[in-house]
Amino acid sequence: MANSTSIIRDVTLNYAKVYTAEENPFGKTIFDIQLEFGKDRIDEMKAYGKVRELSNGNFAINVDRPATNSKGQANSIRVVNTEKAPITAPIGNGSTGNVMVYSYDWSMQGRSGRKTVLIAVQVTNLIEYNPDSGVDFDIVAVDGNSEVAASDF
């Protein structure tokens, strides 16, 4: 299969780390986004990554991009709205959009496969990112050996 740039349209966007690259559990600093979709799109999405089932019955793949290219230069992800104007608003889970990716075949040390790299995100319906879910610990003051909840003051 040839190298190609394509747009994955009309997907739900989750866990969007597209403004600042973050270190993943494997020690690599990457941009990353989860693309959620229905069962009817599994065959289409297999071309872009490993499809896995979510607890809500939908399916997902993750698409990422290293923080730096092979020359050590910083990468970035272009993020735009429906009119292709840049946006910087945090993307909340459940937002919808289109994702531009670049796919290529690779071969190394007797292994081979196809890699898909995140290039850009177009947000078509922005759900406000709200990290305050309303569930949190109480503030607890320690008084000697007993703990007193802040609500007791």
Protein backbone atom coordinates (compact mmCIF):
# COMPACT_ATOMS: atom_id res chain seq x y z
CA MET A 1 0.00 0.00 0.00
CA ALA A 2 1.33 3.47 -0.82
CA ASN A 3 1.96 6.29 1.61
CA SER A 4 -1.17 8.38 1.86
CA THR A 5 -2.82 11.31 3.59
CA SER A 6 -6.50 10.90 4.38
CA ILE A 7 -9.28 12.36 6.48
CA ILE A 8 -11.21 10.21 8.92
CA ARG A 9 -14.61 11.90 9.04
CA ASP A 10 -17.33 12.15 11.68
CA VAL A 11 -15.77 10.50 14.72
CA THR A 12 -16.13 11.18 18.42
CA LEU A 13 -12.99 12.72 19.92
CA ASN A 14 -11.80 11.59 23.36
CA TYR A 15 -8.69 12.18 25.49
CA ALA A 16 -7.34 14.76 23.05
CA LYS A 17 -3.72 15.57 23.81
CA VAL A 18 -3.23 17.74 20.73
CA TYR A 19 -1.83 21.02 22.05
CA THR A 20 1.00 19.68 24.19
CA ALA A 21 2.72 16.35 23.77
CA GLU A 22 2.69 14.15 26.87
CA GLU A 23 4.80 11.19 27.97
CA ASN A 24 2.98 7.89 27.47
CA PRO A 25 3.40 4.77 29.68
CA PHE A 26 6.18 3.56 27.34
CA GLY A 27 8.35 6.65 27.93
CA LYS A 28 7.65 8.30 24.56
CA THR A 29 6.47 11.91 24.36
CA ILE A 30 3.57 12.06 21.91
CA PHE A 31 0.45 13.88 20.82
CA ASP A 32 -2.50 11.49 21.00
CA ILE A 33 -6.26 11.31 20.42
CA GLN A 34 -8.83 8.55 20.71
CA LEU A 35 -11.29 8.22 17.83
CA GLU A 36 -14.59 6.59 18.82
CA PHE A 37 -17.03 5.13 16.30
CA GLY A 38 -19.82 2.59 15.86
CA LYS A 39 -19.56 -1.10 14.98
CA ASP A 40 -20.44 -0.38 11.35
CA ARG A 41 -17.07 1.37 10.86
CA ILE A 42 -14.73 -1.34 12.21
CA ASP A 43 -13.50 -2.49 8.78
CA GLU A 44 -12.81 1.11 7.70
CA MET A 45 -10.89 1.92 10.89
CA LYS A 46 -8.70 -1.22 10.84
CA ALA A 47 -6.64 0.52 8.16
CA TYR A 48 -5.64 3.22 10.70
CA GLY A 49 -4.92 1.29 13.87
CA LYS A 50 -5.82 -1.45 16.30
CA VAL A 51 -9.58 -1.40 16.89
CA ARG A 52 -10.75 -2.16 20.41
CA GLU A 53 -14.20 -2.29 21.99
CA LEU A 54 -15.16 0.30 24.60
CA SER A 55 -17.34 -0.35 27.65
CA ASN A 56 -20.18 1.66 26.07
CA GLY A 57 -20.44 -0.76 23.11
CA ASN A 58 -18.68 1.53 20.64
CA PHE A 59 -15.19 0.98 19.25
CA ALA A 60 -12.04 3.09 19.16
CA ILE A 61 -8.53 3.52 17.84
CA ASN A 62 -5.83 5.88 19.01
CA VAL A 63 -3.83 7.97 16.59
CA ASP A 64 -0.64 9.68 17.73
CA ARG A 65 2.39 11.64 16.61
CA PRO A 66 5.81 11.91 18.22
CA ALA A 67 6.68 15.25 19.85
CA THR A 68 9.71 15.50 17.54
CA ASN A 69 10.50 14.30 14.03
CA SER A 70 13.47 12.16 13.01
CA LYS A 71 15.62 15.32 12.72
CA GLY A 72 14.80 16.35 16.30
CA GLN A 73 12.53 19.21 15.24
CA ALA A 74 9.34 19.85 17.22
CA ASN A 75 6.10 18.56 15.71
CA SER A 76 2.70 20.15 16.28
CA ILE A 77 -0.90 19.27 15.55
CA ARG A 78 -3.07 21.72 13.62
CA VAL A 79 -6.45 22.13 15.35
CA VAL A 80 -9.23 24.04 13.58
CA ASN A 81 -12.96 24.68 13.75
CA THR A 82 -15.57 24.14 11.03
CA GLU A 83 -14.35 27.22 9.14
CA LYS A 84 -10.71 26.04 9.32
CA ALA A 85 -9.83 28.81 11.80
CA PRO A 86 -7.30 27.76 14.47
CA ILE A 87 -8.71 26.95 17.90
CA THR A 88 -6.98 26.48 21.21
CA ALA A 89 -9.96 25.57 23.40
CA PRO A 90 -9.46 22.28 25.24
CA ILE A 91 -11.34 19.49 23.48
CA GLY A 92 -13.71 17.69 25.84
CA ASN A 93 -14.56 14.01 25.56
CA GLY A 94 -17.56 13.50 23.29
CA SER A 95 -16.67 16.32 20.90
CA THR A 96 -17.01 15.33 17.26
CA GLY A 97 -14.85 16.05 14.28
CA ASN A 98 -12.65 15.00 11.42
CA VAL A 99 -9.03 13.89 11.72
CA MET A 100 -6.29 14.18 9.09
CA VAL A 101 -3.73 11.38 9.19
CA TYR A 102 -0.70 10.22 7.23
CA SER A 103 -0.21 6.46 6.78
CA TYR A 104 2.88 4.61 5.63
CA ASP A 105 4.32 1.10 5.52
CA TRP A 106 7.35 0.33 7.67
CA SER A 107 9.84 -2.51 7.95
CA MET A 108 12.50 -3.00 10.61
CA GLN A 109 14.50 -6.00 11.82
CA GLY A 110 12.32 -8.53 10.03
CA ARG A 111 9.06 -6.99 11.21
CA SER A 112 6.72 -4.84 9.17
CA GLY A 113 3.40 -3.07 9.41
CA ARG A 114 1.53 0.11 8.68
CA LYS A 115 1.73 3.23 10.85
CA THR A 116 -0.79 6.06 10.97
CA VAL A 117 0.34 9.48 12.20
CA LEU A 118 -1.89 12.30 13.48
CA ILE A 119 -1.58 15.48 11.39
CA ALA A 120 -4.59 17.70 12.18
CA VAL A 121 -7.98 17.80 13.91
CA GLN A 122 -11.09 19.65 12.75
CA VAL A 123 -13.59 20.00 15.59
CA THR A 124 -17.14 20.13 14.23
CA ASN A 125 -18.96 20.06 17.59
CA LEU A 126 -16.90 21.18 20.58
CA ILE A 127 -17.91 19.82 23.96
CA GLU A 128 -16.40 22.04 26.63
CA TYR A 129 -13.64 20.31 28.55
CA ASN A 130 -14.58 20.44 32.22
CA PRO A 131 -12.11 18.69 34.51
CA ASP A 132 -14.31 19.44 37.54
CA SER A 133 -16.68 16.50 37.55
CA GLY A 134 -18.15 17.44 40.92
CA VAL A 135 -16.59 14.39 42.53
CA ASP A 136 -13.60 15.16 44.71
CA PHE A 137 -12.14 14.58 48.14
CA ASP A 138 -13.17 16.74 51.08
CA ILE A 139 -10.50 18.99 52.53
CA VAL A 140 -9.39 17.27 55.71
CA ALA A 141 -7.59 18.99 58.57
CA VAL A 142 -5.57 16.84 60.93
CA ASP A 143 -6.15 17.74 64.60
CA GLY A 144 -3.77 15.73 66.75
CA ASN A 145 -4.62 12.09 66.08
CA SER A 146 -8.12 12.75 64.76
CA GLU A 147 -9.05 13.93 61.30
CA VAL A 148 -11.71 16.60 60.97
CA ALA A 149 -13.56 17.17 57.68
CA ALA A 150 -13.46 20.75 56.44
CA SER A 151 -17.27 20.74 56.41
CA ASP A 152 -17.16 20.36 60.23
CA PHE A 153 -15.56 23.79 60.69
